[in-house]
Amino acid sequence: TALLFRMAPTINGLLGRTGIYIVTRLMGLIMAAMGVEFIANGLRHLFPVLGG
């Protein structure tokens, strides 16, 4: 994490505004998918009949 913070200006220069926007949107999509997976796994453990 500290390395990423130190490299942030370089990464920002390489990607530019559009690249940063794209990476932000992709990370948000990945986080949303992980959240859905966690909820689905929790429901499967709570209600085993849903597990199939």
N, C-alpha and C. Protein backbone atom coordinates (compact mmCIF):
# COMPACT_ATOMS: atom_id res chain seq x y z
N THR A 1 0.82 -1.19 0.00
CA THR A 1 0.00 0.00 0.00
C THR A 1 0.87 1.25 0.00
N ALA A 2 1.89 1.24 0.84
CA ALA A 2 2.76 2.41 0.89
C ALA A 2 3.45 2.63 -0.45
N LEU A 3 3.83 1.53 -1.10
CA LEU A 3 4.47 1.64 -2.41
C LEU A 3 3.52 2.26 -3.43
N LEU A 4 2.27 1.84 -3.40
CA LEU A 4 1.29 2.41 -4.33
C LEU A 4 1.10 3.90 -4.08
N PHE A 5 1.07 4.31 -2.81
CA PHE A 5 0.93 5.73 -2.51
C PHE A 5 2.14 6.51 -3.00
N ARG A 6 3.32 5.92 -2.87
CA ARG A 6 4.53 6.60 -3.34
C ARG A 6 4.56 6.69 -4.86
N MET A 7 4.00 5.68 -5.52
CA MET A 7 4.01 5.63 -6.99
C MET A 7 2.80 6.32 -7.61
N ALA A 8 1.88 6.84 -6.80
CA ALA A 8 0.63 7.42 -7.30
C ALA A 8 0.85 8.52 -8.35
N PRO A 9 1.77 9.46 -8.16
CA PRO A 9 1.95 10.48 -9.21
C PRO A 9 2.42 9.87 -10.53
N THR A 10 3.28 8.86 -10.46
CA THR A 10 3.76 8.21 -11.67
C THR A 10 2.63 7.46 -12.37
N ILE A 11 1.85 6.72 -11.59
CA ILE A 11 0.72 5.98 -12.15
C ILE A 11 -0.29 6.94 -12.76
N ASN A 12 -0.55 8.04 -12.07
CA ASN A 12 -1.47 9.05 -12.58
C ASN A 12 -0.97 9.63 -13.90
N GLY A 13 0.32 9.86 -13.99
CA GLY A 13 0.89 10.38 -15.23
C GLY A 13 0.78 9.39 -16.38
N LEU A 14 0.96 8.11 -16.07
CA LEU A 14 0.88 7.08 -17.12
C LEU A 14 -0.54 6.86 -17.61
N LEU A 15 -1.48 6.79 -16.69
CA LEU A 15 -2.85 6.47 -17.06
C LEU A 15 -3.65 7.68 -17.53
N GLY A 16 -3.39 8.81 -16.94
CA GLY A 16 -4.16 10.01 -17.27
C GLY A 16 -5.54 9.96 -16.64
N ARG A 17 -6.32 11.01 -16.90
CA ARG A 17 -7.64 11.13 -16.28
C ARG A 17 -8.56 10.01 -16.73
N THR A 18 -8.57 9.70 -18.02
CA THR A 18 -9.45 8.65 -18.54
C THR A 18 -9.06 7.28 -18.01
N GLY A 19 -7.77 7.00 -17.97
CA GLY A 19 -7.30 5.72 -17.46
C GLY A 19 -7.65 5.51 -15.99
N ILE A 20 -7.49 6.56 -15.20
CA ILE A 20 -7.85 6.49 -13.78
C ILE A 20 -9.35 6.24 -13.64
N TYR A 21 -10.15 6.91 -14.46
CA TYR A 21 -11.60 6.72 -14.43
C TYR A 21 -11.97 5.28 -14.76
N ILE A 22 -11.33 4.71 -15.77
CA ILE A 22 -11.60 3.33 -16.18
C ILE A 22 -11.21 2.36 -15.07
N VAL A 23 -10.03 2.54 -14.50
CA VAL A 23 -9.56 1.66 -13.42
C VAL A 23 -10.50 1.77 -12.21
N THR A 24 -10.95 2.98 -11.90
CA THR A 24 -11.87 3.16 -10.78
C THR A 24 -13.18 2.42 -11.02
N ARG A 25 -13.71 2.53 -12.23
CA ARG A 25 -14.96 1.84 -12.55
C ARG A 25 -14.78 0.32 -12.50
N LEU A 26 -13.66 -0.18 -13.01
CA LEU A 26 -13.41 -1.63 -12.98
C LEU A 26 -13.27 -2.13 -11.55
N MET A 27 -12.56 -1.40 -10.71
CA MET A 27 -12.41 -1.80 -9.31
C MET A 27 -13.76 -1.80 -8.60
N GLY A 28 -14.60 -0.82 -8.91
CA GLY A 28 -15.94 -0.79 -8.34
C GLY A 28 -16.76 -1.99 -8.76
N LEU A 29 -16.65 -2.37 -10.03
CA LEU A 29 -17.36 -3.54 -10.54
C LEU A 29 -16.88 -4.82 -9.85
N ILE A 30 -15.57 -4.94 -9.67
CA ILE A 30 -15.01 -6.12 -9.00
C ILE A 30 -15.48 -6.17 -7.54
N MET A 31 -15.48 -5.02 -6.87
CA MET A 31 -15.94 -4.99 -5.47
C MET A 31 -17.42 -5.35 -5.37
N ALA A 32 -18.22 -4.88 -6.31
CA ALA A 32 -19.66 -5.21 -6.29
C ALA A 32 -19.85 -6.70 -6.52
N ALA A 33 -19.09 -7.28 -7.44
CA ALA A 33 -19.20 -8.72 -7.70
C ALA A 33 -18.80 -9.53 -6.47
N MET A 34 -17.75 -9.09 -5.78
CA MET A 34 -17.34 -9.79 -4.56
C MET A 34 -18.41 -9.68 -3.49
N GLY A 35 -19.04 -8.53 -3.38
CA GLY A 35 -20.11 -8.35 -2.40
C GLY A 35 -21.29 -9.27 -2.68
N VAL A 36 -21.67 -9.39 -3.94
CA VAL A 36 -22.76 -10.28 -4.32
C VAL A 36 -22.40 -11.72 -3.99
N GLU A 37 -21.14 -12.09 -4.26
CA GLU A 37 -20.69 -13.45 -3.96
C GLU A 37 -20.73 -13.73 -2.45
N PHE A 38 -20.29 -12.77 -1.65
CA PHE A 38 -20.33 -12.95 -0.19
C PHE A 38 -21.75 -13.12 0.30
N ILE A 39 -22.66 -12.30 -0.22
CA ILE A 39 -24.06 -12.41 0.18
C ILE A 39 -24.64 -13.75 -0.23
N ALA A 40 -24.34 -14.18 -1.46
CA ALA A 40 -24.85 -15.47 -1.94
C ALA A 40 -24.32 -16.62 -1.09
N ASN A 41 -23.03 -16.58 -0.76
CA ASN A 41 -22.45 -17.63 0.09
C ASN A 41 -23.09 -17.63 1.48
N GLY A 42 -23.32 -16.45 2.03
CA GLY A 42 -23.96 -16.36 3.33
C GLY A 42 -25.37 -16.92 3.31
N LEU A 43 -26.12 -16.62 2.26
CA LEU A 43 -27.48 -17.15 2.15
C LEU A 43 -27.47 -18.67 1.98
N ARG A 44 -26.48 -19.18 1.24
CA ARG A 44 -26.38 -20.64 1.08
C ARG A 44 -26.10 -21.33 2.40
N HIS A 45 -25.27 -20.71 3.23
CA HIS A 45 -24.97 -21.30 4.54
C HIS A 45 -26.16 -21.15 5.49
N LEU A 46 -26.89 -20.06 5.35
CA LEU A 46 -28.04 -19.82 6.21
C LEU A 46 -29.21 -20.73 5.84
N PHE A 47 -29.40 -20.91 4.54
CA PHE A 47 -30.49 -21.73 4.02
C PHE A 47 -29.90 -22.79 3.09
N PRO A 48 -29.47 -23.94 3.62
CA PRO A 48 -28.79 -24.96 2.80
C PRO A 48 -29.63 -25.45 1.62
N VAL A 49 -30.94 -25.35 1.70
CA VAL A 49 -31.78 -25.83 0.60
C VAL A 49 -31.54 -24.99 -0.66
N LEU A 50 -31.03 -23.76 -0.51
CA LEU A 50 -30.74 -22.91 -1.67
C LEU A 50 -29.47 -23.34 -2.40
N GLY A 51 -28.62 -24.13 -1.73
CA GLY A 51 -27.33 -24.51 -2.30
C GLY A 51 -27.42 -25.45 -3.48
N GLY A 52 -28.49 -26.14 -3.63
CA GLY A 52 -28.66 -27.02 -4.77
C GLY A 52 -28.04 -28.36 -4.64
